[in-house]
Protein backbone atom coordinates (compact mmCIF):
# COMPACT_ATOMS: atom_id res chain seq x y z
CA UNK A 1 0.00 0.00 0.00
CA UNK A 2 1.45 3.36 -1.03
CA UNK A 3 1.32 6.26 1.36
CA UNK A 4 -0.11 9.56 0.23
CA UNK A 5 1.81 12.79 0.81
CA UNK A 6 0.21 15.01 3.43
CA UNK A 7 0.78 18.35 5.07
CA UNK A 8 -0.42 16.83 8.35
CA UNK A 9 2.05 15.61 10.94
CA UNK A 10 1.40 12.26 12.64
CA UNK A 11 2.17 12.14 16.36
CA UNK A 12 4.40 9.18 17.25
CA UNK A 13 4.41 7.55 20.68
CA UNK A 14 7.19 4.99 20.43
CA UNK A 15 4.92 2.09 19.54
CA UNK A 16 6.44 1.70 16.06
CA UNK A 17 6.39 3.26 12.63
CA UNK A 18 2.86 4.42 11.71
CA UNK A 19 3.48 4.32 7.94
CA UNK A 20 4.91 1.93 5.36
CA UNK A 21 8.67 1.34 5.63
CA UNK A 22 8.96 2.57 2.04
CA UNK A 23 7.08 5.85 2.57
CA UNK A 24 9.24 8.96 2.27
CA UNK A 25 8.88 10.94 5.48
CA UNK A 26 10.12 13.98 7.29
CA UNK A 27 10.62 13.24 10.96
CA UNK A 28 10.67 15.29 14.12
CA UNK A 29 13.11 13.95 16.68
CA UNK A 30 12.70 14.75 20.37
CA UNK A 31 15.82 16.95 20.03
CA UNK A 32 14.23 19.14 17.31
CA UNK A 33 13.01 22.45 18.72
CA UNK A 34 9.92 22.53 16.52
CA UNK A 35 8.48 21.20 13.27
CA UNK A 36 10.14 23.89 11.15
CA UNK A 37 13.49 22.64 12.44
CA UNK A 38 12.42 19.06 11.69
CA UNK A 39 11.43 20.01 8.13
CA UNK A 40 14.77 21.71 7.56
CA UNK A 41 16.76 18.80 9.04
CA UNK A 42 14.81 16.16 7.09
CA UNK A 43 15.04 17.99 3.79
CA UNK A 44 12.12 18.60 1.41
CA UNK A 45 12.15 15.03 0.07
CA UNK A 46 12.67 13.32 3.44
CA UNK A 47 13.94 9.73 3.63
CA UNK A 48 12.31 6.34 3.50
CA UNK A 49 10.87 5.45 6.89
CA UNK A 50 13.02 2.33 7.24
CA UNK A 51 16.14 4.57 7.45
CA UNK A 52 14.97 5.55 10.95
CA UNK A 53 14.23 1.99 12.12
CA UNK A 54 15.98 2.40 15.48
CA UNK A 55 14.09 5.59 16.37
CA UNK A 56 10.44 4.52 15.94
CA UNK A 57 10.19 2.25 18.98
CA UNK A 58 11.00 3.39 22.50
CA UNK A 59 9.53 3.13 26.02
CA UNK A 60 7.10 5.81 27.24
CA UNK A 61 9.67 6.99 29.78
CA UNK A 62 12.38 7.54 27.17
CA UNK A 63 13.94 10.97 26.83
CA UNK A 64 16.40 10.08 24.07
CA UNK A 65 17.02 12.95 21.63
CA UNK A 66 16.74 10.53 18.68
CA UNK A 67 13.21 9.31 19.49
CA UNK A 68 10.82 10.18 16.65
CA UNK A 69 7.92 12.15 18.13
CA UNK A 70 6.19 13.06 14.84
CA UNK A 71 6.41 12.36 11.12
CA UNK A 72 4.90 13.56 7.88
CA UNK A 73 4.62 11.63 4.61
CA UNK A 74 6.12 13.64 1.75
CA UNK A 75 6.02 10.99 -1.01
C-alpha atoms as a PDB file:
ATOM      1  CA  UNK A   1       0.000   0.000   0.000  1.00  0.00           C
ATOM      2  CA  UNK A   2       1.447   3.361  -1.035  1.00  0.00           C
ATOM      3  CA  UNK A   3       1.318   6.264   1.361  1.00  0.00           C
ATOM      4  CA  UNK A   4      -0.109   9.563   0.226  1.00  0.00           C
ATOM      5  CA  UNK A   5       1.808  12.794   0.813  1.00  0.00           C
ATOM      6  CA  UNK A   6       0.209  15.008   3.431  1.00  0.00           C
ATOM      7  CA  UNK A   7       0.780  18.353   5.074  1.00  0.00           C
ATOM      8  CA  UNK A   8      -0.421  16.827   8.348  1.00  0.00           C
ATOM      9  CA  UNK A   9       2.048  15.611  10.944  1.00  0.00           C
ATOM     10  CA  UNK A  10       1.400  12.264  12.640  1.00  0.00           C
ATOM     11  CA  UNK A  11       2.168  12.144  16.365  1.00  0.00           C
ATOM     12  CA  UNK A  12       4.398   9.177  17.252  1.00  0.00           C
ATOM     13  CA  UNK A  13       4.412   7.553  20.678  1.00  0.00           C
ATOM     14  CA  UNK A  14       7.193   4.991  20.429  1.00  0.00           C
ATOM     15  CA  UNK A  15       4.918   2.088  19.537  1.00  0.00           C
ATOM     16  CA  UNK A  16       6.440   1.702  16.059  1.00  0.00           C
ATOM     17  CA  UNK A  17       6.389   3.265  12.629  1.00  0.00           C
ATOM     18  CA  UNK A  18       2.856   4.424  11.713  1.00  0.00           C
ATOM     19  CA  UNK A  19       3.479   4.323   7.937  1.00  0.00           C
ATOM     20  CA  UNK A  20       4.912   1.930   5.361  1.00  0.00           C
ATOM     21  CA  UNK A  21       8.667   1.335   5.630  1.00  0.00           C
ATOM     22  CA  UNK A  22       8.959   2.572   2.036  1.00  0.00           C
ATOM     23  CA  UNK A  23       7.083   5.852   2.575  1.00  0.00           C
ATOM     24  CA  UNK A  24       9.245   8.964   2.274  1.00  0.00           C
ATOM     25  CA  UNK A  25       8.884  10.935   5.481  1.00  0.00           C
ATOM     26  CA  UNK A  26      10.122  13.978   7.285  1.00  0.00           C
ATOM     27  CA  UNK A  27      10.616  13.237  10.960  1.00  0.00           C
ATOM     28  CA  UNK A  28      10.672  15.291  14.119  1.00  0.00           C
ATOM     29  CA  UNK A  29      13.110  13.946  16.683  1.00  0.00           C
ATOM     30  CA  UNK A  30      12.698  14.750  20.368  1.00  0.00           C
ATOM     31  CA  UNK A  31      15.821  16.946  20.028  1.00  0.00           C
ATOM     32  CA  UNK A  32      14.235  19.145  17.313  1.00  0.00           C
ATOM     33  CA  UNK A  33      13.010  22.450  18.722  1.00  0.00           C
ATOM     34  CA  UNK A  34       9.924  22.528  16.522  1.00  0.00           C
ATOM     35  CA  UNK A  35       8.483  21.196  13.270  1.00  0.00           C
ATOM     36  CA  UNK A  36      10.140  23.889  11.146  1.00  0.00           C
ATOM     37  CA  UNK A  37      13.495  22.635  12.441  1.00  0.00           C
ATOM     38  CA  UNK A  38      12.419  19.060  11.691  1.00  0.00           C
ATOM     39  CA  UNK A  39      11.434  20.011   8.126  1.00  0.00           C
ATOM     40  CA  UNK A  40      14.770  21.709   7.561  1.00  0.00           C
ATOM     41  CA  UNK A  41      16.759  18.801   9.038  1.00  0.00           C
ATOM     42  CA  UNK A  42      14.812  16.157   7.095  1.00  0.00           C
ATOM     43  CA  UNK A  43      15.037  17.989   3.788  1.00  0.00           C
ATOM     44  CA  UNK A  44      12.124  18.603   1.409  1.00  0.00           C
ATOM     45  CA  UNK A  45      12.146  15.026   0.073  1.00  0.00           C
ATOM     46  CA  UNK A  46      12.670  13.316   3.442  1.00  0.00           C
ATOM     47  CA  UNK A  47      13.938   9.732   3.630  1.00  0.00           C
ATOM     48  CA  UNK A  48      12.307   6.343   3.496  1.00  0.00           C
ATOM     49  CA  UNK A  49      10.869   5.451   6.889  1.00  0.00           C
ATOM     50  CA  UNK A  50      13.022   2.330   7.244  1.00  0.00           C
ATOM     51  CA  UNK A  51      16.135   4.568   7.452  1.00  0.00           C
ATOM     52  CA  UNK A  52      14.969   5.553  10.947  1.00  0.00           C
ATOM     53  CA  UNK A  53      14.234   1.988  12.120  1.00  0.00           C
ATOM     54  CA  UNK A  54      15.981   2.398  15.478  1.00  0.00           C
ATOM     55  CA  UNK A  55      14.089   5.588  16.370  1.00  0.00           C
ATOM     56  CA  UNK A  56      10.438   4.524  15.941  1.00  0.00           C
ATOM     57  CA  UNK A  57      10.185   2.246  18.978  1.00  0.00           C
ATOM     58  CA  UNK A  58      10.995   3.393  22.500  1.00  0.00           C
ATOM     59  CA  UNK A  59       9.526   3.132  26.024  1.00  0.00           C
ATOM     60  CA  UNK A  60       7.101   5.811  27.235  1.00  0.00           C
ATOM     61  CA  UNK A  61       9.669   6.987  29.779  1.00  0.00           C
ATOM     62  CA  UNK A  62      12.384   7.544  27.165  1.00  0.00           C
ATOM     63  CA  UNK A  63      13.944  10.967  26.830  1.00  0.00           C
ATOM     64  CA  UNK A  64      16.399  10.080  24.074  1.00  0.00           C
ATOM     65  CA  UNK A  65      17.018  12.952  21.634  1.00  0.00           C
ATOM     66  CA  UNK A  66      16.740  10.526  18.680  1.00  0.00           C
ATOM     67  CA  UNK A  67      13.208   9.309  19.494  1.00  0.00           C
ATOM     68  CA  UNK A  68      10.819  10.185  16.652  1.00  0.00           C
ATOM     69  CA  UNK A  69       7.921  12.151  18.126  1.00  0.00           C
ATOM     70  CA  UNK A  70       6.186  13.059  14.836  1.00  0.00           C
ATOM     71  CA  UNK A  71       6.414  12.360  11.122  1.00  0.00           C
ATOM     72  CA  UNK A  72       4.904  13.562   7.881  1.00  0.00           C
ATOM     73  CA  UNK A  73       4.616  11.628   4.610  1.00  0.00           C
ATOM     74  CA  UNK A  74       6.116  13.639   1.752  1.00  0.00           C
ATOM     75  CA  UNK A  75       6.021  10.992  -1.006  1.00  0.00           C
END
